[in-house]
């Protein structure tokens, strides 16, 4: 094998909620950590029982618009968390507020200990 050949070695190690991927390319190793621990998805509800996210989704359905894309991207958020920021599905707004992007729709959310809390659309 010539010294200019590119050698790629891939192997995966999973333990608990963390998957570690090793990629070796010309003796350089890149380690990427993915935390695939699934969090719950919750919709914020005010003291008066008002739920802006639920109202937003109901309004979309009443107007004949599909909510499937929002539901799909929200489910990806639950499964993969902030890894979605690499795919432009999630963007940081300010402080603890983040934006979930699902096509033309935007849903604001924040992360709590074991859940993503959807605020509104």
C-alpha atoms as a PDB file:
ATOM      1  CA  UNK A   1       0.000   0.000   0.000  1.00  0.00           C
ATOM      2  CA  UNK A   2       1.426   3.374  -0.952  1.00  0.00           C
ATOM      3  CA  UNK A   3       1.871   6.118   1.616  1.00  0.00           C
ATOM      4  CA  UNK A   4      -0.525   8.337  -0.328  1.00  0.00           C
ATOM      5  CA  UNK A   5      -3.425   5.884   0.036  1.00  0.00           C
ATOM      6  CA  UNK A   6      -6.331   7.055   2.129  1.00  0.00           C
ATOM      7  CA  UNK A   7      -7.250   4.627   4.865  1.00  0.00           C
ATOM      8  CA  UNK A   8     -10.623   4.955   6.513  1.00  0.00           C
ATOM      9  CA  UNK A   9     -11.488   2.888   9.543  1.00  0.00           C
ATOM     10  CA  UNK A  10     -14.909   3.066  11.051  1.00  0.00           C
ATOM     11  CA  UNK A  11     -16.236   1.388  14.117  1.00  0.00           C
ATOM     12  CA  UNK A  12     -18.971   2.188  16.533  1.00  0.00           C
ATOM     13  CA  UNK A  13     -19.071   1.788  20.282  1.00  0.00           C
ATOM     14  CA  UNK A  14     -22.392   2.089  22.070  1.00  0.00           C
ATOM     15  CA  UNK A  15     -22.804   2.212  25.808  1.00  0.00           C
ATOM     16  CA  UNK A  16     -25.964   3.423  27.432  1.00  0.00           C
ATOM     17  CA  UNK A  17     -27.193   6.572  25.782  1.00  0.00           C
ATOM     18  CA  UNK A  18     -23.922   7.547  24.132  1.00  0.00           C
ATOM     19  CA  UNK A  19     -22.659   6.349  20.784  1.00  0.00           C
ATOM     20  CA  UNK A  20     -19.056   7.111  19.923  1.00  0.00           C
ATOM     21  CA  UNK A  21     -17.968   7.062  16.296  1.00  0.00           C
ATOM     22  CA  UNK A  22     -14.305   6.849  15.381  1.00  0.00           C
ATOM     23  CA  UNK A  23     -13.120   7.819  11.919  1.00  0.00           C
ATOM     24  CA  UNK A  24      -9.479   7.397  11.003  1.00  0.00           C
ATOM     25  CA  UNK A  25      -8.218   9.170   7.914  1.00  0.00           C
ATOM     26  CA  UNK A  26      -4.468   9.266   7.255  1.00  0.00           C
ATOM     27  CA  UNK A  27      -3.682   8.658  10.911  1.00  0.00           C
ATOM     28  CA  UNK A  28      -5.984  11.412  12.184  1.00  0.00           C
ATOM     29  CA  UNK A  29      -8.843  10.361  14.392  1.00  0.00           C
ATOM     30  CA  UNK A  30     -12.019  12.344  14.771  1.00  0.00           C
ATOM     31  CA  UNK A  31     -14.257  11.421  17.656  1.00  0.00           C
ATOM     32  CA  UNK A  32     -17.863  12.493  17.577  1.00  0.00           C
ATOM     33  CA  UNK A  33     -20.134  11.953  20.516  1.00  0.00           C
ATOM     34  CA  UNK A  34     -23.848  11.585  19.977  1.00  0.00           C
ATOM     35  CA  UNK A  35     -26.225  11.542  22.882  1.00  0.00           C
ATOM     36  CA  UNK A  36     -29.249   9.634  21.706  1.00  0.00           C
ATOM     37  CA  UNK A  37     -31.063   9.671  25.036  1.00  0.00           C
ATOM     38  CA  UNK A  38     -34.645  10.387  24.162  1.00  0.00           C
ATOM     39  CA  UNK A  39     -36.291  13.242  25.990  1.00  0.00           C
ATOM     40  CA  UNK A  40     -39.974  13.845  26.367  1.00  0.00           C
ATOM     41  CA  UNK A  41     -41.807  16.459  24.326  1.00  0.00           C
ATOM     42  CA  UNK A  42     -44.063  18.676  26.396  1.00  0.00           C
ATOM     43  CA  UNK A  43     -46.268  21.585  25.385  1.00  0.00           C
ATOM     44  CA  UNK A  44     -46.129  24.628  27.674  1.00  0.00           C
ATOM     45  CA  UNK A  45     -49.388  25.277  29.468  1.00  0.00           C
ATOM     46  CA  UNK A  46     -50.063  28.501  31.354  1.00  0.00           C
ATOM     47  CA  UNK A  47     -51.718  28.719  34.761  1.00  0.00           C
ATOM     48  CA  UNK A  48     -55.014  29.487  33.014  1.00  0.00           C
ATOM     49  CA  UNK A  49     -54.759  26.266  30.955  1.00  0.00           C
ATOM     50  CA  UNK A  50     -53.835  28.133  27.773  1.00  0.00           C
ATOM     51  CA  UNK A  51     -51.493  26.103  25.543  1.00  0.00           C
ATOM     52  CA  UNK A  52     -50.089  28.190  22.653  1.00  0.00           C
ATOM     53  CA  UNK A  53     -48.508  25.183  20.888  1.00  0.00           C
ATOM     54  CA  UNK A  54     -51.736  23.164  20.956  1.00  0.00           C
ATOM     55  CA  UNK A  55     -53.685  26.220  19.738  1.00  0.00           C
ATOM     56  CA  UNK A  56     -51.182  26.729  16.893  1.00  0.00           C
ATOM     57  CA  UNK A  57     -51.469  23.106  15.757  1.00  0.00           C
ATOM     58  CA  UNK A  58     -55.285  23.213  15.966  1.00  0.00           C
ATOM     59  CA  UNK A  59     -55.357  26.405  13.874  1.00  0.00           C
ATOM     60  CA  UNK A  60     -53.189  24.789  11.202  1.00  0.00           C
ATOM     61  CA  UNK A  61     -55.510  21.782  11.049  1.00  0.00           C
ATOM     62  CA  UNK A  62     -58.603  24.023  10.852  1.00  0.00           C
ATOM     63  CA  UNK A  63     -57.070  25.922   7.946  1.00  0.00           C
ATOM     64  CA  UNK A  64     -56.388  22.656   6.097  1.00  0.00           C
ATOM     65  CA  UNK A  65     -52.608  22.767   6.499  1.00  0.00           C
ATOM     66  CA  UNK A  66     -50.695  19.624   7.342  1.00  0.00           C
ATOM     67  CA  UNK A  67     -48.968  19.384  10.717  1.00  0.00           C
ATOM     68  CA  UNK A  68     -47.042  16.232   9.782  1.00  0.00           C
ATOM     69  CA  UNK A  69     -43.775  18.056   9.087  1.00  0.00           C
ATOM     70  CA  UNK A  70     -43.891  19.816  12.464  1.00  0.00           C
ATOM     71  CA  UNK A  71     -44.665  16.528  14.199  1.00  0.00           C
ATOM     72  CA  UNK A  72     -41.840  14.770  12.342  1.00  0.00           C
ATOM     73  CA  UNK A  73     -39.212  17.413  13.155  1.00  0.00           C
ATOM     74  CA  UNK A  74     -40.418  17.618  16.788  1.00  0.00           C
ATOM     75  CA  UNK A  75     -40.018  13.839  17.035  1.00  0.00           C
ATOM     76  CA  UNK A  76     -36.485  14.143  15.612  1.00  0.00           C
ATOM     77  CA  UNK A  77     -35.773  16.760  18.290  1.00  0.00           C
ATOM     78  CA  UNK A  78     -36.982  14.336  20.958  1.00  0.00           C
ATOM     79  CA  UNK A  79     -34.767  11.570  19.595  1.00  0.00           C
ATOM     80  CA  UNK A  80     -31.610  13.466  18.624  1.00  0.00           C
ATOM     81  CA  UNK A  81     -31.700  16.734  20.550  1.00  0.00           C
ATOM     82  CA  UNK A  82     -29.433  19.570  19.536  1.00  0.00           C
ATOM     83  CA  UNK A  83     -27.660  17.399  16.955  1.00  0.00           C
ATOM     84  CA  UNK A  84     -30.408  18.727  14.639  1.00  0.00           C
ATOM     85  CA  UNK A  85     -28.701  22.131  14.671  1.00  0.00           C
ATOM     86  CA  UNK A  86     -26.208  20.687  12.198  1.00  0.00           C
ATOM     87  CA  UNK A  87     -29.069  20.084   9.756  1.00  0.00           C
ATOM     88  CA  UNK A  88     -30.627  23.525  10.194  1.00  0.00           C
ATOM     89  CA  UNK A  89     -33.721  22.150  11.937  1.00  0.00           C
ATOM     90  CA  UNK A  90     -32.815  23.888  15.196  1.00  0.00           C
ATOM     91  CA  UNK A  91     -31.448  27.376  15.802  1.00  0.00           C
ATOM     92  CA  UNK A  92     -30.542  29.211  18.988  1.00  0.00           C
ATOM     93  CA  UNK A  93     -32.550  32.396  19.515  1.00  0.00           C
ATOM     94  CA  UNK A  94     -31.310  33.770  22.845  1.00  0.00           C
ATOM     95  CA  UNK A  95     -30.790  32.585  26.399  1.00  0.00           C
ATOM     96  CA  UNK A  96     -32.540  29.253  26.775  1.00  0.00           C
ATOM     97  CA  UNK A  97     -34.915  29.803  23.851  1.00  0.00           C
ATOM     98  CA  UNK A  98     -34.432  27.756  20.685  1.00  0.00           C
ATOM     99  CA  UNK A  99     -36.339  27.579  17.420  1.00  0.00           C
ATOM    100  CA  UNK A 100     -37.491  24.372  15.740  1.00  0.00           C
ATOM    101  CA  UNK A 101     -37.715  24.788  11.958  1.00  0.00           C
ATOM    102  CA  UNK A 102     -40.209  22.644  10.082  1.00  0.00           C
ATOM    103  CA  UNK A 103     -40.531  23.932   6.538  1.00  0.00           C
ATOM    104  CA  UNK A 104     -42.269  27.307   6.643  1.00  0.00           C
ATOM    105  CA  UNK A 105     -43.264  26.803  10.295  1.00  0.00           C
ATOM    106  CA  UNK A 106     -41.314  27.779  13.402  1.00  0.00           C
ATOM    107  CA  UNK A 107     -41.886  26.563  16.950  1.00  0.00           C
ATOM    108  CA  UNK A 108     -40.030  28.044  19.916  1.00  0.00           C
ATOM    109  CA  UNK A 109     -38.909  25.700  22.695  1.00  0.00           C
ATOM    110  CA  UNK A 110     -36.552  25.319  25.632  1.00  0.00           C
ATOM    111  CA  UNK A 111     -34.859  22.337  27.222  1.00  0.00           C
ATOM    112  CA  UNK A 112     -35.632  21.206  30.750  1.00  0.00           C
ATOM    113  CA  UNK A 113     -33.923  18.343  32.587  1.00  0.00           C
ATOM    114  CA  UNK A 114     -35.634  15.489  30.753  1.00  0.00           C
ATOM    115  CA  UNK A 115     -37.841  17.205  28.198  1.00  0.00           C
ATOM    116  CA  UNK A 116     -38.094  19.718  25.401  1.00  0.00           C
ATOM    117  CA  UNK A 117     -40.910  22.161  26.151  1.00  0.00           C
ATOM    118  CA  UNK A 118     -42.669  23.480  23.037  1.00  0.00           C
ATOM    119  CA  UNK A 119     -43.860  27.041  23.526  1.00  0.00           C
ATOM    120  CA  UNK A 120     -45.719  28.265  20.452  1.00  0.00           C
ATOM    121  CA  UNK A 121     -45.720  28.354  16.667  1.00  0.00           C
END
